N, C-alpha and C. Protein backbone atom coordinates (compact mmCIF):
# COMPACT_ATOMS: atom_id res chain seq x y z
N UNK A 1 112.36 73.74 76.46
CA UNK A 1 111.19 74.04 77.28
C UNK A 1 110.26 74.94 76.49
N UNK A 2 108.99 74.68 76.64
CA UNK A 2 107.99 75.44 75.90
C UNK A 2 106.81 75.76 76.80
N UNK A 3 106.26 76.92 76.61
CA UNK A 3 105.08 77.35 77.37
C UNK A 3 103.84 76.98 76.57
N UNK A 4 102.88 76.39 77.24
CA UNK A 4 101.62 76.04 76.58
C UNK A 4 100.52 76.99 77.03
N UNK A 5 99.41 76.93 76.35
CA UNK A 5 98.26 77.75 76.74
C UNK A 5 97.80 77.37 78.14
N UNK A 6 97.92 76.07 78.48
CA UNK A 6 97.56 75.64 79.84
C UNK A 6 98.43 76.33 80.88
N UNK A 7 99.73 76.50 80.59
CA UNK A 7 100.63 77.21 81.51
C UNK A 7 100.19 78.66 81.70
N UNK A 8 99.85 79.30 80.59
CA UNK A 8 99.39 80.69 80.66
C UNK A 8 98.09 80.77 81.45
N UNK A 9 97.18 79.84 81.24
CA UNK A 9 95.92 79.83 82.00
C UNK A 9 96.19 79.64 83.49
N UNK A 10 97.14 78.77 83.82
CA UNK A 10 97.46 78.51 85.22
C UNK A 10 98.01 79.78 85.88
N UNK A 11 98.95 80.44 85.23
CA UNK A 11 99.54 81.66 85.79
C UNK A 11 98.48 82.76 85.88
N UNK A 12 97.63 82.87 84.88
CA UNK A 12 96.56 83.87 84.91
C UNK A 12 95.61 83.59 86.07
N UNK A 13 95.33 82.33 86.32
CA UNK A 13 94.47 81.95 87.44
C UNK A 13 95.11 82.34 88.77
N UNK A 14 96.42 82.08 88.91
CA UNK A 14 97.12 82.45 90.14
C UNK A 14 97.11 83.96 90.35
N UNK A 15 97.19 84.71 89.25
CA UNK A 15 97.21 86.17 89.33
C UNK A 15 95.79 86.75 89.32
N UNK A 16 94.81 85.89 89.31
CA UNK A 16 93.40 86.31 89.28
C UNK A 16 93.11 87.21 88.08
N UNK A 17 93.62 86.79 86.90
CA UNK A 17 93.40 87.54 85.67
C UNK A 17 92.47 86.76 84.76
N UNK A 18 91.57 87.46 84.13
CA UNK A 18 90.73 86.84 83.12
C UNK A 18 91.30 87.22 81.76
N UNK A 19 91.70 86.21 80.99
CA UNK A 19 92.28 86.45 79.68
C UNK A 19 91.36 85.91 78.60
N UNK A 20 91.28 86.64 77.49
CA UNK A 20 90.53 86.14 76.34
C UNK A 20 91.39 85.10 75.63
N UNK A 21 90.79 84.35 74.73
CA UNK A 21 91.53 83.34 73.99
C UNK A 21 92.65 83.99 73.18
N UNK A 22 92.38 85.16 72.64
CA UNK A 22 93.39 85.88 71.86
C UNK A 22 94.58 86.28 72.75
N UNK A 23 94.30 86.74 73.97
CA UNK A 23 95.36 87.12 74.89
C UNK A 23 96.18 85.90 75.32
N UNK A 24 95.50 84.79 75.54
CA UNK A 24 96.22 83.56 75.91
C UNK A 24 97.20 83.16 74.82
N UNK A 25 96.75 83.19 73.57
CA UNK A 25 97.63 82.85 72.46
C UNK A 25 98.77 83.86 72.33
N UNK A 26 98.46 85.14 72.51
CA UNK A 26 99.46 86.19 72.40
C UNK A 26 100.54 86.01 73.48
N UNK A 27 100.11 85.79 74.73
CA UNK A 27 101.06 85.63 75.82
C UNK A 27 101.87 84.34 75.67
N UNK A 28 101.25 83.29 75.18
CA UNK A 28 101.96 82.04 74.94
C UNK A 28 103.09 82.27 73.94
N UNK A 29 102.79 82.97 72.85
CA UNK A 29 103.80 83.27 71.84
C UNK A 29 104.91 84.15 72.39
N UNK A 30 104.54 85.17 73.15
CA UNK A 30 105.53 86.09 73.71
C UNK A 30 106.45 85.38 74.71
N UNK A 31 105.87 84.57 75.57
CA UNK A 31 106.68 83.86 76.57
C UNK A 31 107.60 82.84 75.91
N UNK A 32 107.12 82.17 74.87
CA UNK A 32 107.97 81.22 74.15
C UNK A 32 109.12 81.94 73.44
N UNK A 33 108.85 83.15 72.94
CA UNK A 33 109.92 83.93 72.30
C UNK A 33 110.98 84.32 73.32
N UNK A 34 110.56 84.67 74.52
CA UNK A 34 111.50 85.01 75.59
C UNK A 34 112.36 83.80 75.94
N UNK A 35 111.73 82.64 76.10
CA UNK A 35 112.47 81.43 76.42
C UNK A 35 113.44 81.03 75.31
N UNK A 36 113.01 81.21 74.06
CA UNK A 36 113.88 80.89 72.93
C UNK A 36 115.11 81.79 72.95
N UNK A 37 114.91 83.06 73.24
CA UNK A 37 116.03 83.99 73.31
C UNK A 37 116.96 83.62 74.47
N UNK A 38 116.39 83.23 75.61
CA UNK A 38 117.20 82.85 76.77
C UNK A 38 117.99 81.58 76.50
N UNK A 39 117.50 80.70 75.64
CA UNK A 39 118.21 79.48 75.30
C UNK A 39 119.53 79.77 74.59
N UNK A 40 119.67 80.96 74.01
CA UNK A 40 120.93 81.33 73.37
C UNK A 40 122.08 81.34 74.37
N UNK A 41 121.77 81.53 75.63
CA UNK A 41 122.81 81.52 76.66
C UNK A 41 123.48 80.15 76.75
N UNK A 42 122.77 79.08 76.38
CA UNK A 42 123.35 77.75 76.40
C UNK A 42 124.48 77.60 75.38
N UNK A 43 124.50 78.47 74.37
CA UNK A 43 125.53 78.41 73.34
C UNK A 43 126.84 79.02 73.81
N UNK A 44 126.82 79.80 74.88
CA UNK A 44 128.02 80.46 75.37
C UNK A 44 128.97 79.47 76.02
N UNK A 45 130.27 79.68 75.81
CA UNK A 45 131.29 78.87 76.44
C UNK A 45 131.59 79.47 77.81
N UNK A 46 131.15 78.80 78.87
CA UNK A 46 131.29 79.35 80.21
C UNK A 46 132.26 78.55 81.08
N UNK A 47 132.98 77.63 80.49
CA UNK A 47 133.97 76.86 81.26
C UNK A 47 135.04 77.82 81.77
N UNK A 48 135.35 77.72 83.04
CA UNK A 48 136.37 78.58 83.62
C UNK A 48 135.89 79.96 84.02
N UNK A 49 134.61 80.25 83.82
CA UNK A 49 134.06 81.54 84.23
C UNK A 49 133.49 81.38 85.64
N UNK A 50 134.03 82.17 86.55
CA UNK A 50 133.60 82.07 87.94
C UNK A 50 132.23 82.73 88.13
N UNK A 51 131.30 82.06 88.78
CA UNK A 51 129.98 82.66 89.03
C UNK A 51 130.10 83.92 89.89
N UNK A 52 129.28 84.90 89.59
CA UNK A 52 129.29 86.14 90.37
C UNK A 52 127.87 86.50 90.77
N UNK A 53 127.76 87.23 91.85
CA UNK A 53 126.44 87.71 92.26
C UNK A 53 126.30 89.20 91.98
N UNK A 54 127.45 89.88 91.76
CA UNK A 54 127.44 91.31 91.47
C UNK A 54 128.42 91.60 90.34
N UNK A 55 128.11 92.60 89.58
CA UNK A 55 128.99 92.98 88.48
C UNK A 55 130.24 93.66 89.02
N UNK A 56 130.07 94.47 90.05
CA UNK A 56 131.19 95.20 90.64
C UNK A 56 131.61 94.52 91.94
N UNK A 57 132.87 94.67 92.33
CA UNK A 57 133.28 94.08 93.60
C UNK A 57 132.56 94.75 94.78
N UNK A 58 132.08 93.94 95.68
CA UNK A 58 131.35 94.45 96.84
C UNK A 58 132.19 94.17 98.08
N UNK A 59 132.35 95.18 98.90
CA UNK A 59 133.09 94.99 100.14
C UNK A 59 132.42 95.79 101.25
N UNK A 60 132.71 95.41 102.46
CA UNK A 60 132.12 96.06 103.62
C UNK A 60 132.72 97.46 103.77
N UNK A 61 131.88 98.48 103.80
CA UNK A 61 132.36 99.85 103.89
C UNK A 61 132.18 100.43 105.29
N UNK A 62 131.88 99.58 106.26
CA UNK A 62 131.69 100.08 107.62
C UNK A 62 133.04 100.28 108.30
N UNK A 63 133.10 101.25 109.15
CA UNK A 63 134.34 101.55 109.86
C UNK A 63 134.52 100.59 111.02
N UNK A 64 135.74 100.54 111.54
CA UNK A 64 136.00 99.72 112.72
C UNK A 64 135.23 100.29 113.91
N UNK A 65 134.78 99.41 114.78
CA UNK A 65 134.05 99.81 115.97
C UNK A 65 135.07 100.20 117.05
N UNK A 66 135.15 101.49 117.32
CA UNK A 66 136.14 102.00 118.26
C UNK A 66 135.43 102.69 119.41
N UNK A 67 135.82 102.38 120.62
CA UNK A 67 135.25 103.04 121.80
C UNK A 67 135.81 104.45 121.87
N UNK A 68 134.92 105.44 122.04
CA UNK A 68 135.37 106.83 122.16
C UNK A 68 134.44 107.60 123.09
N UNK A 69 134.85 108.78 123.45
CA UNK A 69 134.08 109.63 124.34
C UNK A 69 132.74 109.98 123.70
N UNK A 70 131.68 109.93 124.47
CA UNK A 70 130.35 110.25 123.98
C UNK A 70 129.86 111.52 124.67
N UNK A 71 128.77 112.07 124.16
CA UNK A 71 128.21 113.25 124.81
C UNK A 71 127.59 112.85 126.14
N UNK A 72 127.64 113.74 127.08
CA UNK A 72 127.04 113.46 128.38
C UNK A 72 125.54 113.65 128.29
N UNK A 73 124.84 113.11 129.25
CA UNK A 73 123.40 113.25 129.30
C UNK A 73 123.01 114.72 129.40
N UNK A 74 123.74 115.49 130.19
CA UNK A 74 123.45 116.92 130.35
C UNK A 74 123.63 117.66 129.03
N UNK A 75 124.69 117.33 128.28
CA UNK A 75 124.92 117.98 126.99
C UNK A 75 123.81 117.64 126.01
N UNK A 76 123.39 116.40 125.99
CA UNK A 76 122.34 115.97 125.07
C UNK A 76 121.02 116.67 125.38
N UNK A 77 120.74 116.90 126.67
CA UNK A 77 119.47 117.51 127.07
C UNK A 77 119.52 119.04 127.09
N UNK A 78 120.68 119.61 126.85
CA UNK A 78 120.84 121.06 126.95
C UNK A 78 119.87 121.82 126.03
N UNK A 79 119.63 121.34 124.82
CA UNK A 79 118.74 122.03 123.89
C UNK A 79 117.33 121.44 123.85
N UNK A 80 117.05 120.50 124.73
CA UNK A 80 115.72 119.89 124.75
C UNK A 80 114.69 120.91 125.25
N UNK A 81 113.55 120.98 124.59
CA UNK A 81 112.51 121.92 125.05
C UNK A 81 112.02 121.58 126.46
N UNK A 82 112.02 120.28 126.79
CA UNK A 82 111.56 119.86 128.12
C UNK A 82 112.21 118.52 128.46
N UNK A 83 112.64 118.37 129.71
CA UNK A 83 113.21 117.10 130.12
C UNK A 83 112.74 116.78 131.53
N UNK A 84 112.81 115.50 131.85
CA UNK A 84 112.37 115.05 133.17
C UNK A 84 113.16 113.81 133.53
N UNK A 85 113.76 113.81 134.70
CA UNK A 85 114.53 112.66 135.20
C UNK A 85 115.64 112.24 134.23
N UNK A 86 116.28 113.22 133.57
CA UNK A 86 117.38 112.91 132.67
C UNK A 86 116.96 112.34 131.33
N UNK A 87 115.70 112.54 130.95
CA UNK A 87 115.20 112.05 129.66
C UNK A 87 114.43 113.14 128.96
N UNK A 88 114.34 113.04 127.62
CA UNK A 88 113.51 113.98 126.86
C UNK A 88 112.06 113.78 127.26
N UNK A 89 111.35 114.86 127.47
CA UNK A 89 109.91 114.77 127.77
C UNK A 89 109.16 115.22 126.53
N UNK A 90 108.28 114.36 126.09
CA UNK A 90 107.50 114.64 124.87
C UNK A 90 106.02 114.54 125.20
N UNK A 91 105.19 115.19 124.37
CA UNK A 91 103.75 115.09 124.62
C UNK A 91 103.28 113.64 124.43
N UNK A 92 102.31 113.25 125.22
CA UNK A 92 101.74 111.89 125.12
C UNK A 92 101.03 111.72 123.77
N UNK A 93 101.24 110.58 123.16
CA UNK A 93 100.56 110.32 121.88
C UNK A 93 99.39 109.36 122.08
N UNK A 94 99.36 108.67 123.20
CA UNK A 94 98.26 107.77 123.52
C UNK A 94 97.62 108.24 124.83
N UNK A 95 96.34 108.10 124.86
CA UNK A 95 95.64 108.52 126.08
C UNK A 95 95.16 107.32 126.86
């Protein structure tokens, strides 16, 4: 696979970039060098290598959901500056 100047112009157009002819040639060369380097991966022997999505093992670290005693409404409102009908009362933000 090879990147052409037309490809660079297309991507520049999508990104709304104006490139000079020198920049187009420079980016074409740089992108082709990147692709050439990435092609080296094709030389690797990957038979028997299991695909992975993470380098380290990932596991769920959440605790089990256990029903337990919760604070009462009165305890929760004990330190509230103001409460009304068993709820926190806050200043209105919309008029």
